[in-house]
All heavy atoms as atom14 arrays in JSON, in Angstrom:
{
  "sequence": "NGYTQVPVTSLNDIIQYCARIGHRLSNVEIDYRNGKYLVL",
  "atom14_mask": [
    [1, 1, 1, 1, 1, 1, 1, 1, 0, 0, 0, 0, 0, 0],
    [1, 1, 1, 1, 0, 0, 0, 0, 0, 0, 0, 0, 0, 0],
    [1, 1, 1, 1, 1, 1, 1, 1, 1, 1, 1, 1, 0, 0],
    [1, 1, 1, 1, 1, 1, 1, 0, 0, 0, 0, 0, 0, 0],
    [1, 1, 1, 1, 1, 1, 1, 1, 1, 0, 0, 0, 0, 0],
    [1, 1, 1, 1, 1, 1, 1, 0, 0, 0, 0, 0, 0, 0],
    [1, 1, 1, 1, 1, 1, 1, 0, 0, 0, 0, 0, 0, 0],
    [1, 1, 1, 1, 1, 1, 1, 0, 0, 0, 0, 0, 0, 0],
    [1, 1, 1, 1, 1, 1, 1, 0, 0, 0, 0, 0, 0, 0],
    [1, 1, 1, 1, 1, 1, 0, 0, 0, 0, 0, 0, 0, 0],
    [1, 1, 1, 1, 1, 1, 1, 1, 0, 0, 0, 0, 0, 0],
    [1, 1, 1, 1, 1, 1, 1, 1, 0, 0, 0, 0, 0, 0],
    [1, 1, 1, 1, 1, 1, 1, 1, 0, 0, 0, 0, 0, 0],
    [1, 1, 1, 1, 1, 1, 1, 1, 0, 0, 0, 0, 0, 0],
    [1, 1, 1, 1, 1, 1, 1, 1, 0, 0, 0, 0, 0, 0],
    [1, 1, 1, 1, 1, 1, 1, 1, 1, 0, 0, 0, 0, 0],
    [1, 1, 1, 1, 1, 1, 1, 1, 1, 1, 1, 1, 0, 0],
    [1, 1, 1, 1, 1, 1, 0, 0, 0, 0, 0, 0, 0, 0],
    [1, 1, 1, 1, 1, 0, 0, 0, 0, 0, 0, 0, 0, 0],
    [1, 1, 1, 1, 1, 1, 1, 1, 1, 1, 1, 0, 0, 0],
    [1, 1, 1, 1, 1, 1, 1, 1, 0, 0, 0, 0, 0, 0],
    [1, 1, 1, 1, 0, 0, 0, 0, 0, 0, 0, 0, 0, 0],
    [1, 1, 1, 1, 1, 1, 1, 1, 1, 1, 0, 0, 0, 0],
    [1, 1, 1, 1, 1, 1, 1, 1, 1, 1, 1, 0, 0, 0],
    [1, 1, 1, 1, 1, 1, 1, 1, 0, 0, 0, 0, 0, 0],
    [1, 1, 1, 1, 1, 1, 0, 0, 0, 0, 0, 0, 0, 0],
    [1, 1, 1, 1, 1, 1, 1, 1, 0, 0, 0, 0, 0, 0],
    [1, 1, 1, 1, 1, 1, 1, 0, 0, 0, 0, 0, 0, 0],
    [1, 1, 1, 1, 1, 1, 1, 1, 1, 0, 0, 0, 0, 0],
    [1, 1, 1, 1, 1, 1, 1, 1, 0, 0, 0, 0, 0, 0],
    [1, 1, 1, 1, 1, 1, 1, 1, 0, 0, 0, 0, 0, 0],
    [1, 1, 1, 1, 1, 1, 1, 1, 1, 1, 1, 1, 0, 0],
    [1, 1, 1, 1, 1, 1, 1, 1, 1, 1, 1, 0, 0, 0],
    [1, 1, 1, 1, 1, 1, 1, 1, 0, 0, 0, 0, 0, 0],
    [1, 1, 1, 1, 0, 0, 0, 0, 0, 0, 0, 0, 0, 0],
    [1, 1, 1, 1, 1, 1, 1, 1, 1, 0, 0, 0, 0, 0],
    [1, 1, 1, 1, 1, 1, 1, 1, 1, 1, 1, 1, 0, 0],
    [1, 1, 1, 1, 1, 1, 1, 1, 0, 0, 0, 0, 0, 0],
    [1, 1, 1, 1, 1, 1, 1, 0, 0, 0, 0, 0, 0, 0],
    [1, 1, 1, 1, 1, 1, 1, 1, 0, 0, 0, 0, 0, 0]
  ],
  "atom14_positions": [
    [[85.79, 104.73, 93.68], [84.42, 104.66, 94.18], [84.05, 105.88, 95.01], [83.36, 105.76, 96.01], [84.24, 103.39, 95.03], [84.65, 102.14, 94.28], [84.71, 102.15, 93.06], [84.95, 101.09, 94.98], [0.0, 0.0, 0.0], [0.0, 0.0, 0.0], [0.0, 0.0, 0.0], [0.0, 0.0, 0.0], [0.0, 0.0, 0.0], [0.0, 0.0, 0.0]],
    [[84.52, 107.03, 94.61], [84.18, 108.22, 95.37], [84.79, 108.22, 96.76], [84.14, 108.59, 97.73], [0.0, 0.0, 0.0], [0.0, 0.0, 0.0], [0.0, 0.0, 0.0], [0.0, 0.0, 0.0], [0.0, 0.0, 0.0], [0.0, 0.0, 0.0], [0.0, 0.0, 0.0], [0.0, 0.0, 0.0], [0.0, 0.0, 0.0], [0.0, 0.0, 0.0]],
    [[86.04, 107.8, 96.85], [86.76, 107.75, 98.12], [86.06, 106.87, 99.15], [85.76, 107.29, 100.25], [86.99, 109.16, 98.67], [87.98, 109.93, 97.85], [87.58, 110.93, 97.01], [89.33, 109.62, 97.91], [88.48, 111.63, 96.24], [90.26, 110.31, 97.15], [89.82, 111.32, 96.32], [90.72, 111.99, 95.56], [0.0, 0.0, 0.0], [0.0, 0.0, 0.0]],
    [[85.78, 105.65, 98.76], [85.24, 104.65, 99.69], [86.22, 104.44, 100.82], [87.41, 104.25, 100.59], [85.01, 103.31, 98.96], [84.11, 103.55, 97.89], [84.45, 102.26, 99.88], [0.0, 0.0, 0.0], [0.0, 0.0, 0.0], [0.0, 0.0, 0.0], [0.0, 0.0, 0.0], [0.0, 0.0, 0.0], [0.0, 0.0, 0.0], [0.0, 0.0, 0.0]],
    [[85.76, 104.46, 102.05], [86.63, 104.25, 103.2], [86.59, 102.79, 103.61], [85.51, 102.24, 103.83], [86.17, 105.12, 104.38], [86.27, 106.59, 104.09], [85.83, 107.42, 105.28], [85.98, 107.0, 106.42], [85.3, 108.59, 105.01], [0.0, 0.0, 0.0], [0.0, 0.0, 0.0], [0.0, 0.0, 0.0], [0.0, 0.0, 0.0], [0.0, 0.0, 0.0]],
    [[87.77, 102.18, 103.7], [87.87, 100.77, 104.06], [88.92, 100.63, 105.16], [90.05, 101.08, 104.99], [88.29, 99.92, 102.83], [88.45, 98.46, 103.23], [87.29, 100.08, 101.7], [0.0, 0.0, 0.0], [0.0, 0.0, 0.0], [0.0, 0.0, 0.0], [0.0, 0.0, 0.0], [0.0, 0.0, 0.0], [0.0, 0.0, 0.0], [0.0, 0.0, 0.0]],
    [[88.57, 100.01, 106.29], [89.57, 99.81, 107.35], [90.57, 98.73, 106.96], [90.19, 97.68, 106.44], [88.74, 99.38, 108.56], [87.49, 98.82, 107.98], [87.25, 99.52, 106.67], [0.0, 0.0, 0.0], [0.0, 0.0, 0.0], [0.0, 0.0, 0.0], [0.0, 0.0, 0.0], [0.0, 0.0, 0.0], [0.0, 0.0, 0.0], [0.0, 0.0, 0.0]],
    [[91.85, 98.98, 107.17], [92.91, 98.02, 106.85], [93.96, 98.02, 107.95], [94.13, 99.01, 108.65], [93.59, 98.35, 105.49], [92.62, 98.18, 104.33], [94.16, 99.76, 105.48], [0.0, 0.0, 0.0], [0.0, 0.0, 0.0], [0.0, 0.0, 0.0], [0.0, 0.0, 0.0], [0.0, 0.0, 0.0], [0.0, 0.0, 0.0], [0.0, 0.0, 0.0]],
    [[94.67, 96.9, 108.06], [95.77, 96.83, 109.02], [97.09, 96.49, 108.34], [98.14, 96.6, 108.95], [95.5, 95.78, 110.12], [95.23, 94.53, 109.48], [94.3, 96.18, 110.97], [0.0, 0.0, 0.0], [0.0, 0.0, 0.0], [0.0, 0.0, 0.0], [0.0, 0.0, 0.0], [0.0, 0.0, 0.0], [0.0, 0.0, 0.0], [0.0, 0.0, 0.0]],
    [[97.02, 96.06, 107.06], [98.24, 95.68, 106.35], [98.04, 95.87, 104.85], [96.92, 96.05, 104.38], [98.59, 94.22, 106.64], [97.63, 93.38, 106.02], [0.0, 0.0, 0.0], [0.0, 0.0, 0.0], [0.0, 0.0, 0.0], [0.0, 0.0, 0.0], [0.0, 0.0, 0.0], [0.0, 0.0, 0.0], [0.0, 0.0, 0.0], [0.0, 0.0, 0.0]],
    [[99.14, 95.79, 104.12], [99.05, 95.88, 102.66], [98.26, 94.71, 102.11], [97.53, 94.85, 101.12], [100.45, 95.9, 102.05], [101.31, 97.12, 102.39], [102.68, 97.0, 101.75], [100.63, 98.41, 101.95], [0.0, 0.0, 0.0], [0.0, 0.0, 0.0], [0.0, 0.0, 0.0], [0.0, 0.0, 0.0], [0.0, 0.0, 0.0], [0.0, 0.0, 0.0]],
    [[98.36, 93.55, 102.76], [97.61, 92.38, 102.31], [96.09, 92.62, 102.4], [95.33, 92.14, 101.57], [98.01, 91.16, 103.13], [97.56, 89.88, 102.45], [97.72, 89.71, 101.25], [96.98, 88.99, 103.23], [0.0, 0.0, 0.0], [0.0, 0.0, 0.0], [0.0, 0.0, 0.0], [0.0, 0.0, 0.0], [0.0, 0.0, 0.0], [0.0, 0.0, 0.0]],
    [[95.65, 93.38, 103.4], [94.23, 93.73, 103.51], [93.76, 94.48, 102.27], [92.65, 94.28, 101.79], [93.97, 94.62, 104.73], [94.07, 93.87, 106.05], [94.14, 92.62, 106.03], [94.08, 94.54, 107.09], [0.0, 0.0, 0.0], [0.0, 0.0, 0.0], [0.0, 0.0, 0.0], [0.0, 0.0, 0.0], [0.0, 0.0, 0.0], [0.0, 0.0, 0.0]],
    [[94.62, 95.37, 101.76], [94.27, 96.14, 100.57], [94.13, 95.21, 99.37], [93.16, 95.29, 98.61], [95.34, 97.22, 100.28], [95.39, 98.23, 101.43], [95.05, 97.92, 98.95], [96.56, 99.2, 101.35], [0.0, 0.0, 0.0], [0.0, 0.0, 0.0], [0.0, 0.0, 0.0], [0.0, 0.0, 0.0], [0.0, 0.0, 0.0], [0.0, 0.0, 0.0]],
    [[95.07, 94.29, 99.21], [95.02, 93.34, 98.09], [93.77, 92.47, 98.19], [93.08, 92.25, 97.2], [96.31, 92.49, 98.06], [97.5, 93.38, 97.69], [96.17, 91.32, 97.09], [98.85, 92.71, 97.82], [0.0, 0.0, 0.0], [0.0, 0.0, 0.0], [0.0, 0.0, 0.0], [0.0, 0.0, 0.0], [0.0, 0.0, 0.0], [0.0, 0.0, 0.0]],
    [[93.45, 92.01, 99.4], [92.26, 91.16, 99.59], [90.98, 91.93, 99.31], [90.05, 91.42, 98.69], [92.25, 90.58, 101.0], [93.29, 89.52, 101.21], [93.28, 88.97, 102.63], [92.5, 89.4, 103.48], [94.17, 88.03, 102.89], [0.0, 0.0, 0.0], [0.0, 0.0, 0.0], [0.0, 0.0, 0.0], [0.0, 0.0, 0.0], [0.0, 0.0, 0.0]],
    [[90.9, 93.18, 99.76], [89.71, 93.98, 99.5], [89.52, 94.2, 98.0], [88.41, 94.05, 97.48], [89.79, 95.33, 100.22], [88.66, 96.25, 99.81], [87.39, 96.08, 100.34], [88.86, 97.26, 98.87], [86.34, 96.89, 99.95], [87.82, 98.07, 98.47], [86.56, 97.89, 99.01], [85.53, 98.69, 98.61], [0.0, 0.0, 0.0], [0.0, 0.0, 0.0]],
    [[90.6, 94.52, 97.31], [90.52, 94.74, 95.86], [90.07, 93.48, 95.13], [89.29, 93.54, 94.19], [91.86, 95.24, 95.32], [92.22, 96.94, 95.82], [0.0, 0.0, 0.0], [0.0, 0.0, 0.0], [0.0, 0.0, 0.0], [0.0, 0.0, 0.0], [0.0, 0.0, 0.0], [0.0, 0.0, 0.0], [0.0, 0.0, 0.0], [0.0, 0.0, 0.0]],
    [[90.54, 92.32, 95.59], [90.12, 91.06, 94.98], [88.62, 90.83, 95.17], [87.94, 90.36, 94.26], [90.91, 89.9, 95.58], [0.0, 0.0, 0.0], [0.0, 0.0, 0.0], [0.0, 0.0, 0.0], [0.0, 0.0, 0.0], [0.0, 0.0, 0.0], [0.0, 0.0, 0.0], [0.0, 0.0, 0.0], [0.0, 0.0, 0.0], [0.0, 0.0, 0.0]],
    [[88.12, 91.2, 96.34], [86.68, 91.03, 96.6], [85.82, 91.9, 95.69], [84.69, 91.54, 95.38], [86.35, 91.36, 98.07], [86.71, 90.25, 99.02], [86.02, 90.39, 100.37], [86.21, 91.67, 101.03], [87.21, 91.96, 101.85], [88.14, 91.06, 102.12], [87.3, 93.14, 102.42], [0.0, 0.0, 0.0], [0.0, 0.0, 0.0], [0.0, 0.0, 0.0]],
    [[86.33, 93.05, 95.28], [85.54, 93.93, 94.4], [85.92, 93.74, 92.93], [85.52, 94.53, 92.09], [85.63, 95.41, 94.83], [87.06, 95.94, 94.73], [85.05, 95.6, 96.22], [87.17, 97.45, 94.92], [0.0, 0.0, 0.0], [0.0, 0.0, 0.0], [0.0, 0.0, 0.0], [0.0, 0.0, 0.0], [0.0, 0.0, 0.0], [0.0, 0.0, 0.0]],
    [[86.72, 92.7, 92.65], [86.99, 92.34, 91.27], [88.27, 92.86, 90.65], [88.46, 92.78, 89.45], [0.0, 0.0, 0.0], [0.0, 0.0, 0.0], [0.0, 0.0, 0.0], [0.0, 0.0, 0.0], [0.0, 0.0, 0.0], [0.0, 0.0, 0.0], [0.0, 0.0, 0.0], [0.0, 0.0, 0.0], [0.0, 0.0, 0.0], [0.0, 0.0, 0.0]],
    [[89.18, 93.38, 91.47], [90.46, 93.88, 90.95], [91.58, 93.04, 91.54], [91.84, 93.1, 92.74], [90.66, 95.35, 91.32], [89.59, 96.24, 90.8], [89.46, 96.56, 89.48], [88.58, 96.87, 91.44], [88.42, 97.36, 89.32], [87.86, 97.56, 90.5], [0.0, 0.0, 0.0], [0.0, 0.0, 0.0], [0.0, 0.0, 0.0], [0.0, 0.0, 0.0]],
    [[92.25, 92.28, 90.69], [93.34, 91.43, 91.16], [94.65, 92.22, 91.09], [95.1, 92.55, 90.01], [93.42, 90.16, 90.32], [92.14, 89.34, 90.44], [92.22, 87.99, 89.79], [93.07, 87.04, 90.49], [92.76, 86.45, 91.63], [91.65, 86.74, 92.24], [93.59, 85.58, 92.17], [0.0, 0.0, 0.0], [0.0, 0.0, 0.0], [0.0, 0.0, 0.0]],
    [[95.22, 92.49, 92.25], [96.48, 93.22, 92.33], [97.58, 92.25, 92.76], [97.36, 91.42, 93.63], [96.39, 94.35, 93.36], [95.28, 95.36, 93.18], [95.33, 96.38, 94.31], [95.38, 96.05, 91.83], [0.0, 0.0, 0.0], [0.0, 0.0, 0.0], [0.0, 0.0, 0.0], [0.0, 0.0, 0.0], [0.0, 0.0, 0.0], [0.0, 0.0, 0.0]],
    [[98.75, 92.38, 92.14], [99.85, 91.51, 92.55], [100.71, 92.19, 93.61], [101.36, 91.52, 94.4], [100.71, 91.14, 91.34], [101.19, 92.31, 90.72], [0.0, 0.0, 0.0], [0.0, 0.0, 0.0], [0.0, 0.0, 0.0], [0.0, 0.0, 0.0], [0.0, 0.0, 0.0], [0.0, 0.0, 0.0], [0.0, 0.0, 0.0], [0.0, 0.0, 0.0]],
    [[100.73, 93.5, 93.62], [101.52, 94.19, 94.63], [100.93, 95.57, 94.91], [100.26, 96.16, 94.08], [102.97, 94.33, 94.2], [103.12, 95.3, 93.05], [102.29, 95.34, 92.15], [104.14, 96.11, 93.08], [0.0, 0.0, 0.0], [0.0, 0.0, 0.0], [0.0, 0.0, 0.0], [0.0, 0.0, 0.0], [0.0, 0.0, 0.0], [0.0, 0.0, 0.0]],
    [[101.19, 96.04, 96.12], [100.75, 97.36, 96.55], [101.89, 97.99, 97.32], [102.58, 97.31, 98.08], [99.5, 97.25, 97.45], [99.15, 98.59, 98.06], [98.31, 96.72, 96.68], [0.0, 0.0, 0.0], [0.0, 0.0, 0.0], [0.0, 0.0, 0.0], [0.0, 0.0, 0.0], [0.0, 0.0, 0.0], [0.0, 0.0, 0.0], [0.0, 0.0, 0.0]],
    [[102.1, 99.27, 97.11], [103.13, 100.0, 97.86], [102.52, 101.28, 98.4], [101.57, 101.81, 97.83], [104.29, 100.37, 96.94], [105.09, 99.2, 96.44], [106.25, 99.64, 95.55], [106.61, 100.82, 95.58], [106.76, 98.78, 94.83], [0.0, 0.0, 0.0], [0.0, 0.0, 0.0], [0.0, 0.0, 0.0], [0.0, 0.0, 0.0], [0.0, 0.0, 0.0]],
    [[103.08, 101.75, 99.51], [102.68, 103.04, 100.06], [103.84, 104.0, 99.83], [104.99, 103.7, 100.12], [102.41, 102.93, 101.58], [101.37, 101.85, 101.88], [101.97, 104.29, 102.13], [100.0, 102.1, 101.33], [0.0, 0.0, 0.0], [0.0, 0.0, 0.0], [0.0, 0.0, 0.0], [0.0, 0.0, 0.0], [0.0, 0.0, 0.0], [0.0, 0.0, 0.0]],
    [[103.53, 105.17, 99.28], [104.56, 106.16, 99.0], [104.08, 107.52, 99.49], [102.96, 107.93, 99.2], [104.83, 106.22, 97.49], [106.07, 107.03, 97.15], [106.89, 107.27, 98.06], [106.21, 107.43, 96.0], [0.0, 0.0, 0.0], [0.0, 0.0, 0.0], [0.0, 0.0, 0.0], [0.0, 0.0, 0.0], [0.0, 0.0, 0.0], [0.0, 0.0, 0.0]],
    [[104.92, 108.19, 100.27], [104.57, 109.5, 100.82], [104.87, 110.58, 99.78], [106.02, 110.78, 99.41], [105.35, 109.75, 102.11], [104.92, 111.0, 102.82], [103.72, 111.02, 103.53], [105.69, 112.15, 102.79], [103.3, 112.16, 104.19], [105.29, 113.29, 103.45], [104.09, 113.31, 104.15], [103.69, 114.43, 104.8], [0.0, 0.0, 0.0], [0.0, 0.0, 0.0]],
    [[103.83, 111.23, 99.29], [104.0, 112.3, 98.3], [103.0, 113.41, 98.57], [101.83, 113.15, 98.85], [103.73, 111.8, 96.88], [104.72, 110.8, 96.36], [104.43, 110.48, 94.92], [105.16, 109.29, 94.5], [104.96, 108.66, 93.37], [104.03, 109.07, 92.53], [105.66, 107.59, 93.06], [0.0, 0.0, 0.0], [0.0, 0.0, 0.0], [0.0, 0.0, 0.0]],
    [[103.45, 114.63, 98.46], [102.58, 115.79, 98.6], [101.74, 115.75, 99.88], [100.56, 116.09, 99.88], [101.65, 115.94, 97.39], [102.42, 116.11, 96.1], [103.47, 116.73, 96.08], [101.91, 115.53, 95.03], [0.0, 0.0, 0.0], [0.0, 0.0, 0.0], [0.0, 0.0, 0.0], [0.0, 0.0, 0.0], [0.0, 0.0, 0.0], [0.0, 0.0, 0.0]],
    [[102.34, 115.28, 100.97], [101.66, 115.28, 102.25], [100.66, 114.16, 102.46], [99.92, 114.18, 103.43], [0.0, 0.0, 0.0], [0.0, 0.0, 0.0], [0.0, 0.0, 0.0], [0.0, 0.0, 0.0], [0.0, 0.0, 0.0], [0.0, 0.0, 0.0], [0.0, 0.0, 0.0], [0.0, 0.0, 0.0], [0.0, 0.0, 0.0], [0.0, 0.0, 0.0]],
    [[100.62, 113.17, 101.54], [99.69, 112.05, 101.69], [100.43, 110.74, 101.5], [101.4, 110.67, 100.77], [98.57, 112.12, 100.65], [97.56, 113.2, 100.9], [96.42, 113.09, 99.91], [95.39, 114.17, 100.18], [94.29, 114.11, 99.22], [0.0, 0.0, 0.0], [0.0, 0.0, 0.0], [0.0, 0.0, 0.0], [0.0, 0.0, 0.0], [0.0, 0.0, 0.0]],
    [[99.93, 109.7, 102.14], [100.44, 108.35, 101.93], [99.62, 107.72, 100.8], [98.5, 107.27, 101.02], [100.32, 107.52, 103.2], [101.21, 108.0, 104.31], [100.73, 108.84, 105.31], [102.55, 107.61, 104.36], [101.55, 109.29, 106.32], [103.37, 108.05, 105.37], [102.88, 108.89, 106.35], [103.7, 109.33, 107.35], [0.0, 0.0, 0.0], [0.0, 0.0, 0.0]],
    [[100.18, 107.74, 99.61], [99.48, 107.24, 98.44], [99.59, 105.72, 98.34], [100.63, 105.15, 98.66], [100.04, 107.86, 97.16], [100.02, 109.39, 97.08], [100.57, 109.85, 95.75], [98.62, 109.93, 97.31], [0.0, 0.0, 0.0], [0.0, 0.0, 0.0], [0.0, 0.0, 0.0], [0.0, 0.0, 0.0], [0.0, 0.0, 0.0], [0.0, 0.0, 0.0]],
    [[98.53, 105.08, 97.91], [98.52, 103.64, 97.69], [98.74, 103.41, 96.2], [97.93, 103.83, 95.37], [97.18, 103.01, 98.12], [97.2, 101.5, 97.9], [96.87, 103.34, 99.57], [0.0, 0.0, 0.0], [0.0, 0.0, 0.0], [0.0, 0.0, 0.0], [0.0, 0.0, 0.0], [0.0, 0.0, 0.0], [0.0, 0.0, 0.0], [0.0, 0.0, 0.0]],
    [[99.86, 102.79, 95.85], [100.23, 102.58, 94.46], [100.25, 101.09, 94.12], [100.58, 100.26, 94.96], [101.63, 103.16, 94.19], [101.86, 104.61, 94.57], [103.33, 104.96, 94.39], [100.98, 105.53, 93.76], [0.0, 0.0, 0.0], [0.0, 0.0, 0.0], [0.0, 0.0, 0.0], [0.0, 0.0, 0.0], [0.0, 0.0, 0.0], [0.0, 0.0, 0.0]]
  ]
}
């Protein structure tokens, strides 16, 4: 969504936000690559 900024405090917040916008995720991981914490 053009780098929409969403405040989160946990991985569960990410899953809940995605569900609200219509994307059901079963798992989310954070991985540090190329100087960024990527959400996978």
